[in-house]
Amino acid sequence: MDENIFKYPGPIPFSKETGVLMLADSVEAASRALKEPNFKSINDLVDKLVNYKLDQGQLKNSNITLKEIETVKSIFKKMLMSIYHVRIDY
């Protein structure tokens, strides 16, 4: 299957806010496809999607730092675990 048919041909994010919004949209949409939302699957999903966006250069014009991306990933994971009522492993 041609991956390009699923890509948006528009501009990449140009600010931190639009970068975070793009990531949030991707993570939220993909999380709906999780068969068993649990700590590991949510953690892996967020890491995989954010790393993919970074590897594709989608955030290169957003002026967001790696430290800020780590903070955003942490927030996404906590929010998704809350949405899916996942208990954190101790």
C-alpha atoms as a PDB file:
ATOM      1  CA  MET A   1       0.000   0.000   0.000  1.00  0.00           C
ATOM      2  CA  ASP A   2       1.244   3.469  -0.844  1.00  0.00           C
ATOM      3  CA  GLU A   3       1.860   5.383   2.386  1.00  0.00           C
ATOM      4  CA  ASN A   4       1.702   8.702   0.517  1.00  0.00           C
ATOM      5  CA  ILE A   5      -2.064   8.490   0.044  1.00  0.00           C
ATOM      6  CA  PHE A   6      -2.419   8.933   3.814  1.00  0.00           C
ATOM      7  CA  LYS A   7      -0.142  11.968   4.075  1.00  0.00           C
ATOM      8  CA  TYR A   8      -1.426  15.512   4.232  1.00  0.00           C
ATOM      9  CA  PRO A   9       0.208  17.592   1.490  1.00  0.00           C
ATOM     10  CA  GLY A  10      -0.067  20.829   3.453  1.00  0.00           C
ATOM     11  CA  PRO A  11       2.659  22.737   5.251  1.00  0.00           C
ATOM     12  CA  ILE A  12       4.454  21.318   8.257  1.00  0.00           C
ATOM     13  CA  PRO A  13       3.901  23.028  11.646  1.00  0.00           C
ATOM     14  CA  PHE A  14       5.488  26.468  11.936  1.00  0.00           C
ATOM     15  CA  SER A  15       5.129  27.069  15.669  1.00  0.00           C
ATOM     16  CA  LYS A  16       5.369  25.132  18.916  1.00  0.00           C
ATOM     17  CA  GLU A  17       1.609  25.284  19.283  1.00  0.00           C
ATOM     18  CA  THR A  18       0.873  23.873  15.843  1.00  0.00           C
ATOM     19  CA  GLY A  19       3.524  21.202  16.381  1.00  0.00           C
ATOM     20  CA  VAL A  20       1.928  20.101  19.641  1.00  0.00           C
ATOM     21  CA  LEU A  21      -1.515  20.188  18.034  1.00  0.00           C
ATOM     22  CA  MET A  22      -0.325  17.957  15.181  1.00  0.00           C
ATOM     23  CA  LEU A  23       1.169  15.496  17.671  1.00  0.00           C
ATOM     24  CA  ALA A  24      -1.954  15.520  19.850  1.00  0.00           C
ATOM     25  CA  ASP A  25      -4.185  14.858  16.857  1.00  0.00           C
ATOM     26  CA  SER A  26      -2.028  11.952  15.687  1.00  0.00           C
ATOM     27  CA  VAL A  27      -1.724  10.380  19.136  1.00  0.00           C
ATOM     28  CA  GLU A  28      -5.423  10.731  19.965  1.00  0.00           C
ATOM     29  CA  ALA A  29      -6.544   9.258  16.636  1.00  0.00           C
ATOM     30  CA  ALA A  30      -4.117   6.343  16.833  1.00  0.00           C
ATOM     31  CA  SER A  31      -5.052   5.591  20.445  1.00  0.00           C
ATOM     32  CA  ARG A  32      -8.601   4.792  19.339  1.00  0.00           C
ATOM     33  CA  ALA A  33      -7.226   1.803  17.431  1.00  0.00           C
ATOM     34  CA  LEU A  34      -5.549   0.262  20.486  1.00  0.00           C
ATOM     35  CA  LYS A  35      -7.109  -3.122  21.190  1.00  0.00           C
ATOM     36  CA  GLU A  36      -5.923  -3.195  24.789  1.00  0.00           C
ATOM     37  CA  PRO A  37      -5.111   0.261  26.092  1.00  0.00           C
ATOM     38  CA  ASN A  38      -2.669  -0.331  28.917  1.00  0.00           C
ATOM     39  CA  PHE A  39       0.446   1.338  30.262  1.00  0.00           C
ATOM     40  CA  LYS A  40       2.809  -0.375  27.807  1.00  0.00           C
ATOM     41  CA  SER A  41       0.670   0.018  24.687  1.00  0.00           C
ATOM     42  CA  ILE A  42       0.013   3.710  25.376  1.00  0.00           C
ATOM     43  CA  ASN A  43       3.660   4.376  26.227  1.00  0.00           C
ATOM     44  CA  ASP A  44       4.851   2.596  23.069  1.00  0.00           C
ATOM     45  CA  LEU A  45       2.264   4.306  20.856  1.00  0.00           C
ATOM     46  CA  VAL A  46       3.167   7.826  21.979  1.00  0.00           C
ATOM     47  CA  ASP A  47       6.897   7.173  21.669  1.00  0.00           C
ATOM     48  CA  LYS A  48       6.500   5.584  18.219  1.00  0.00           C
ATOM     49  CA  LEU A  49       4.321   8.347  16.787  1.00  0.00           C
ATOM     50  CA  VAL A  50       6.385  11.233  18.131  1.00  0.00           C
ATOM     51  CA  ASN A  51       9.623   9.616  16.980  1.00  0.00           C
ATOM     52  CA  TYR A  52       8.100   9.028  13.536  1.00  0.00           C
ATOM     53  CA  LYS A  53       7.123  12.703  13.243  1.00  0.00           C
ATOM     54  CA  LEU A  54      10.644  13.723  14.306  1.00  0.00           C
ATOM     55  CA  ASP A  55      12.264  11.314  11.846  1.00  0.00           C
ATOM     56  CA  GLN A  56      10.096  12.663   9.035  1.00  0.00           C
ATOM     57  CA  GLY A  57      11.180  16.242   9.829  1.00  0.00           C
ATOM     58  CA  GLN A  58       7.618  17.294  10.631  1.00  0.00           C
ATOM     59  CA  LEU A  59       8.722  19.436  13.583  1.00  0.00           C
ATOM     60  CA  LYS A  60      11.793  21.082  12.049  1.00  0.00           C
ATOM     61  CA  ASN A  61      10.080  24.466  11.572  1.00  0.00           C
ATOM     62  CA  SER A  62       8.184  24.475  14.865  1.00  0.00           C
ATOM     63  CA  ASN A  63      11.053  25.699  17.060  1.00  0.00           C
ATOM     64  CA  ILE A  64      10.181  23.131  19.729  1.00  0.00           C
ATOM     65  CA  THR A  65      12.994  21.726  21.852  1.00  0.00           C
ATOM     66  CA  LEU A  66      13.626  18.073  22.622  1.00  0.00           C
ATOM     67  CA  LYS A  67      13.016  18.842  26.291  1.00  0.00           C
ATOM     68  CA  GLU A  68       9.611  20.300  25.437  1.00  0.00           C
ATOM     69  CA  ILE A  69       8.814  17.252  23.293  1.00  0.00           C
ATOM     70  CA  GLU A  70       9.607  14.973  26.245  1.00  0.00           C
ATOM     71  CA  THR A  71       7.243  17.024  28.418  1.00  0.00           C
ATOM     72  CA  VAL A  72       4.507  16.813  25.782  1.00  0.00           C
ATOM     73  CA  LYS A  73       4.968  13.039  25.479  1.00  0.00           C
ATOM     74  CA  SER A  74       4.641  12.652  29.237  1.00  0.00           C
ATOM     75  CA  ILE A  75       1.429  14.691  29.283  1.00  0.00           C
ATOM     76  CA  PHE A  76      -0.034  12.729  26.356  1.00  0.00           C
ATOM     77  CA  LYS A  77       0.691   9.444  28.133  1.00  0.00           C
ATOM     78  CA  LYS A  78      -0.908  10.603  31.393  1.00  0.00           C
ATOM     79  CA  MET A  79      -3.982  11.944  29.590  1.00  0.00           C
ATOM     80  CA  LEU A  80      -4.486   8.787  27.527  1.00  0.00           C
ATOM     81  CA  MET A  81      -4.102   6.588  30.594  1.00  0.00           C
ATOM     82  CA  SER A  82      -6.709   8.736  32.319  1.00  0.00           C
ATOM     83  CA  ILE A  83      -9.085   8.520  29.353  1.00  0.00           C
ATOM     84  CA  TYR A  84      -8.771   4.736  29.176  1.00  0.00           C
ATOM     85  CA  HIS A  85      -8.750   4.335  32.989  1.00  0.00           C
ATOM     86  CA  VAL A  86      -5.370   2.638  33.019  1.00  0.00           C
ATOM     87  CA  ARG A  87      -3.765   2.115  36.394  1.00  0.00           C
ATOM     88  CA  ILE A  88      -0.088   2.942  36.542  1.00  0.00           C
ATOM     89  CA  ASP A  89       2.147   0.007  37.472  1.00  0.00           C
ATOM     90  CA  TYR A  90       4.013   0.482  40.731  1.00  0.00           C
END
